[in-house]
Amino acid sequence: MTDTNLTNYIQFAGDKLTGNIATLSFDVDVSGEAFHSDNDKAPKFQLYAKSPAGRRIQIGGIWERANAKGDPFFTLTINTGHSKFYANLGLYPGQDDDTLQAVIPNDYLNSDRRG
């Protein structure tokens, strides 16, 4: 990745990742590490950010799911400090690097209509 001004992305690099998740309410730079577990429901990656005091804190995870065709895709959940934020990951627009994934907010899960 060459553009350091990208927002709403996850850049995978083996067992590590970096990225940014931004809305009008928050703008968080994240890092992550692969999480190895025998539990099928465990995340594939744990996500971390810096607290206002500069401490590394765990804020969420990335899970691997299967779509209706059985193809894998990633979902992301973070705790923003005010609420949870849910998103899917997909190819970043204008890029041909499949390690660069766009953070695509899940409008239904992030809405007040969610039951």
C-alpha atoms as a PDB file:
ATOM      1  CA  MET A   1       0.000   0.000   0.000  1.00  0.00           C
ATOM      2  CA  THR A   2       1.445   3.353  -0.955  1.00  0.00           C
ATOM      3  CA  ASP A   3      -1.232   5.894  -0.002  1.00  0.00           C
ATOM      4  CA  THR A   4      -0.843   6.786   3.686  1.00  0.00           C
ATOM      5  CA  ASN A   5      -4.070   8.851   3.603  1.00  0.00           C
ATOM      6  CA  LEU A   6      -6.396   5.856   3.193  1.00  0.00           C
ATOM      7  CA  THR A   7      -9.262   5.473   5.642  1.00  0.00           C
ATOM      8  CA  ASN A   8     -11.483   2.516   6.423  1.00  0.00           C
ATOM      9  CA  TYR A   9      -9.057  -0.219   5.487  1.00  0.00           C
ATOM     10  CA  ILE A  10      -7.336  -3.283   6.866  1.00  0.00           C
ATOM     11  CA  GLN A  11      -3.930  -4.246   5.434  1.00  0.00           C
ATOM     12  CA  PHE A  12      -3.032  -7.880   6.113  1.00  0.00           C
ATOM     13  CA  ALA A  13       0.638  -8.866   6.366  1.00  0.00           C
ATOM     14  CA  GLY A  14       0.782 -12.539   7.290  1.00  0.00           C
ATOM     15  CA  ASP A  15      -0.146 -12.938  10.969  1.00  0.00           C
ATOM     16  CA  LYS A  16      -0.241  -9.144  11.509  1.00  0.00           C
ATOM     17  CA  LEU A  17      -2.411  -6.316  10.228  1.00  0.00           C
ATOM     18  CA  THR A  18      -2.716  -2.557  10.362  1.00  0.00           C
ATOM     19  CA  GLY A  19      -5.575  -0.293   9.427  1.00  0.00           C
ATOM     20  CA  ASN A  20      -7.887   2.609  10.072  1.00  0.00           C
ATOM     21  CA  ILE A  21     -11.580   2.703  10.922  1.00  0.00           C
ATOM     22  CA  ALA A  22     -13.268   6.107  10.726  1.00  0.00           C
ATOM     23  CA  THR A  23     -16.766   7.573  10.935  1.00  0.00           C
ATOM     24  CA  LEU A  24     -18.025  11.025  11.887  1.00  0.00           C
ATOM     25  CA  SER A  25     -17.898   9.844  15.524  1.00  0.00           C
ATOM     26  CA  PHE A  26     -14.469   8.229  15.732  1.00  0.00           C
ATOM     27  CA  ASP A  27     -11.215   7.731  13.833  1.00  0.00           C
ATOM     28  CA  VAL A  28      -9.107   4.840  15.100  1.00  0.00           C
ATOM     29  CA  ASP A  29      -5.810   3.452  13.826  1.00  0.00           C
ATOM     30  CA  VAL A  30      -5.748  -0.280  14.536  1.00  0.00           C
ATOM     31  CA  SER A  31      -3.233  -3.080  14.616  1.00  0.00           C
ATOM     32  CA  GLY A  32      -3.924  -6.760  14.878  1.00  0.00           C
ATOM     33  CA  GLU A  33      -2.475 -10.178  15.431  1.00  0.00           C
ATOM     34  CA  ALA A  34      -3.637 -13.611  14.344  1.00  0.00           C
ATOM     35  CA  PHE A  35      -5.493 -15.462  17.066  1.00  0.00           C
ATOM     36  CA  HIS A  36      -5.159 -19.248  17.068  1.00  0.00           C
ATOM     37  CA  SER A  37      -7.938 -21.177  18.792  1.00  0.00           C
ATOM     38  CA  ASP A  38      -9.710 -24.532  18.553  1.00  0.00           C
ATOM     39  CA  ASN A  39     -13.011 -22.691  19.087  1.00  0.00           C
ATOM     40  CA  ASP A  40     -14.862 -22.311  15.745  1.00  0.00           C
ATOM     41  CA  LYS A  41     -16.421 -19.057  16.983  1.00  0.00           C
ATOM     42  CA  ALA A  42     -13.145 -17.389  17.951  1.00  0.00           C
ATOM     43  CA  PRO A  43     -11.892 -14.471  15.859  1.00  0.00           C
ATOM     44  CA  LYS A  44      -9.106 -15.007  13.321  1.00  0.00           C
ATOM     45  CA  PHE A  45      -7.480 -11.735  14.416  1.00  0.00           C
ATOM     46  CA  GLN A  46      -7.611  -9.678  17.587  1.00  0.00           C
ATOM     47  CA  LEU A  47      -7.679  -5.904  17.055  1.00  0.00           C
ATOM     48  CA  TYR A  48      -5.847  -3.329  19.164  1.00  0.00           C
ATOM     49  CA  ALA A  49      -5.738   0.472  19.363  1.00  0.00           C
ATOM     50  CA  LYS A  50      -4.175   3.074  21.631  1.00  0.00           C
ATOM     51  CA  SER A  51      -6.095   4.492  24.581  1.00  0.00           C
ATOM     52  CA  PRO A  52      -6.080   8.293  25.061  1.00  0.00           C
ATOM     53  CA  ALA A  53      -3.168   7.729  27.477  1.00  0.00           C
ATOM     54  CA  GLY A  54      -1.253   5.821  24.790  1.00  0.00           C
ATOM     55  CA  ARG A  55      -1.787   2.327  26.165  1.00  0.00           C
ATOM     56  CA  ARG A  56      -2.400  -0.636  23.856  1.00  0.00           C
ATOM     57  CA  ILE A  57      -5.930  -1.972  24.382  1.00  0.00           C
ATOM     58  CA  GLN A  58      -7.913  -4.735  22.717  1.00  0.00           C
ATOM     59  CA  ILE A  59     -10.935  -3.257  20.935  1.00  0.00           C
ATOM     60  CA  GLY A  60     -12.340  -6.133  18.892  1.00  0.00           C
ATOM     61  CA  GLY A  61     -11.730  -8.837  16.363  1.00  0.00           C
ATOM     62  CA  ILE A  62     -12.027 -10.056  12.795  1.00  0.00           C
ATOM     63  CA  TRP A  63     -13.940 -13.267  12.086  1.00  0.00           C
ATOM     64  CA  GLU A  64     -13.937 -15.420   8.972  1.00  0.00           C
ATOM     65  CA  ARG A  65     -17.418 -16.320   7.709  1.00  0.00           C
ATOM     66  CA  ALA A  66     -18.844 -18.028   4.626  1.00  0.00           C
ATOM     67  CA  ASN A  67     -21.294 -16.357   2.239  1.00  0.00           C
ATOM     68  CA  ALA A  68     -24.295 -18.106   0.659  1.00  0.00           C
ATOM     69  CA  LYS A  69     -22.023 -19.664  -1.984  1.00  0.00           C
ATOM     70  CA  GLY A  70     -19.650 -20.945   0.687  1.00  0.00           C
ATOM     71  CA  ASP A  71     -16.930 -18.432  -0.197  1.00  0.00           C
ATOM     72  CA  PRO A  72     -15.011 -16.980   2.774  1.00  0.00           C
ATOM     73  CA  PHE A  73     -15.192 -13.333   3.796  1.00  0.00           C
ATOM     74  CA  PHE A  74     -14.247 -11.363   6.899  1.00  0.00           C
ATOM     75  CA  THR A  75     -16.405  -9.458   9.380  1.00  0.00           C
ATOM     76  CA  LEU A  76     -15.128  -6.960  11.925  1.00  0.00           C
ATOM     77  CA  THR A  77     -16.472  -5.848  15.293  1.00  0.00           C
ATOM     78  CA  ILE A  78     -14.937  -3.153  17.489  1.00  0.00           C
ATOM     79  CA  ASN A  79     -15.935  -1.418  20.680  1.00  0.00           C
ATOM     80  CA  THR A  80     -15.645   2.329  19.991  1.00  0.00           C
ATOM     81  CA  GLY A  81     -15.916   3.294  23.648  1.00  0.00           C
ATOM     82  CA  HIS A  82     -19.492   4.445  23.027  1.00  0.00           C
ATOM     83  CA  SER A  83     -20.997   1.469  21.205  1.00  0.00           C
ATOM     84  CA  LYS A  84     -20.112  -1.492  19.028  1.00  0.00           C
ATOM     85  CA  PHE A  85     -19.297  -0.994  15.349  1.00  0.00           C
ATOM     86  CA  TYR A  86     -19.894  -3.801  12.844  1.00  0.00           C
ATOM     87  CA  ALA A  87     -18.461  -4.066   9.328  1.00  0.00           C
ATOM     88  CA  ASN A  88     -17.631  -6.481   6.539  1.00  0.00           C
ATOM     89  CA  LEU A  89     -14.327  -6.451   4.695  1.00  0.00           C
ATOM     90  CA  GLY A  90     -14.000  -6.418   0.900  1.00  0.00           C
ATOM     91  CA  LEU A  91     -11.516  -5.435  -1.771  1.00  0.00           C
ATOM     92  CA  TYR A  92     -10.490  -1.803  -1.429  1.00  0.00           C
ATOM     93  CA  PRO A  93     -11.780   0.249  -4.405  1.00  0.00           C
ATOM     94  CA  GLY A  94      -9.174   0.977  -7.060  1.00  0.00           C
ATOM     95  CA  GLN A  95      -6.665  -1.524  -5.656  1.00  0.00           C
ATOM     96  CA  ASP A  96      -5.627  -4.895  -7.038  1.00  0.00           C
ATOM     97  CA  ASP A  97      -3.945  -6.029  -3.796  1.00  0.00           C
ATOM     98  CA  ASP A  98      -6.118  -8.669  -2.099  1.00  0.00           C
ATOM     99  CA  THR A  99      -4.302  -8.078   1.222  1.00  0.00           C
ATOM    100  CA  LEU A 100      -5.831  -4.575   1.279  1.00  0.00           C
ATOM    101  CA  GLN A 101      -9.441  -4.783   2.446  1.00  0.00           C
ATOM    102  CA  ALA A 102     -12.017  -1.996   2.696  1.00  0.00           C
ATOM    103  CA  VAL A 103     -14.003  -1.644   5.943  1.00  0.00           C
ATOM    104  CA  ILE A 104     -17.651  -1.621   4.833  1.00  0.00           C
ATOM    105  CA  PRO A 105     -20.016  -0.638   7.679  1.00  0.00           C
ATOM    106  CA  ASN A 106     -22.977  -2.949   8.224  1.00  0.00           C
ATOM    107  CA  ASP A 107     -25.784  -0.389   8.236  1.00  0.00           C
ATOM    108  CA  TYR A 108     -28.325  -2.837   9.647  1.00  0.00           C
ATOM    109  CA  LEU A 109     -26.208  -3.974  12.602  1.00  0.00           C
ATOM    110  CA  ASN A 110     -25.093  -0.391  13.325  1.00  0.00           C
ATOM    111  CA  SER A 111     -28.653   0.995  13.294  1.00  0.00           C
ATOM    112  CA  ASP A 112     -31.206   1.565  16.041  1.00  0.00           C
ATOM    113  CA  ARG A 113     -33.588  -0.822  14.209  1.00  0.00           C
ATOM    114  CA  ARG A 114     -31.464  -3.788  15.211  1.00  0.00           C
ATOM    115  CA  GLY A 115     -33.397  -5.980  17.602  1.00  0.00           C
END
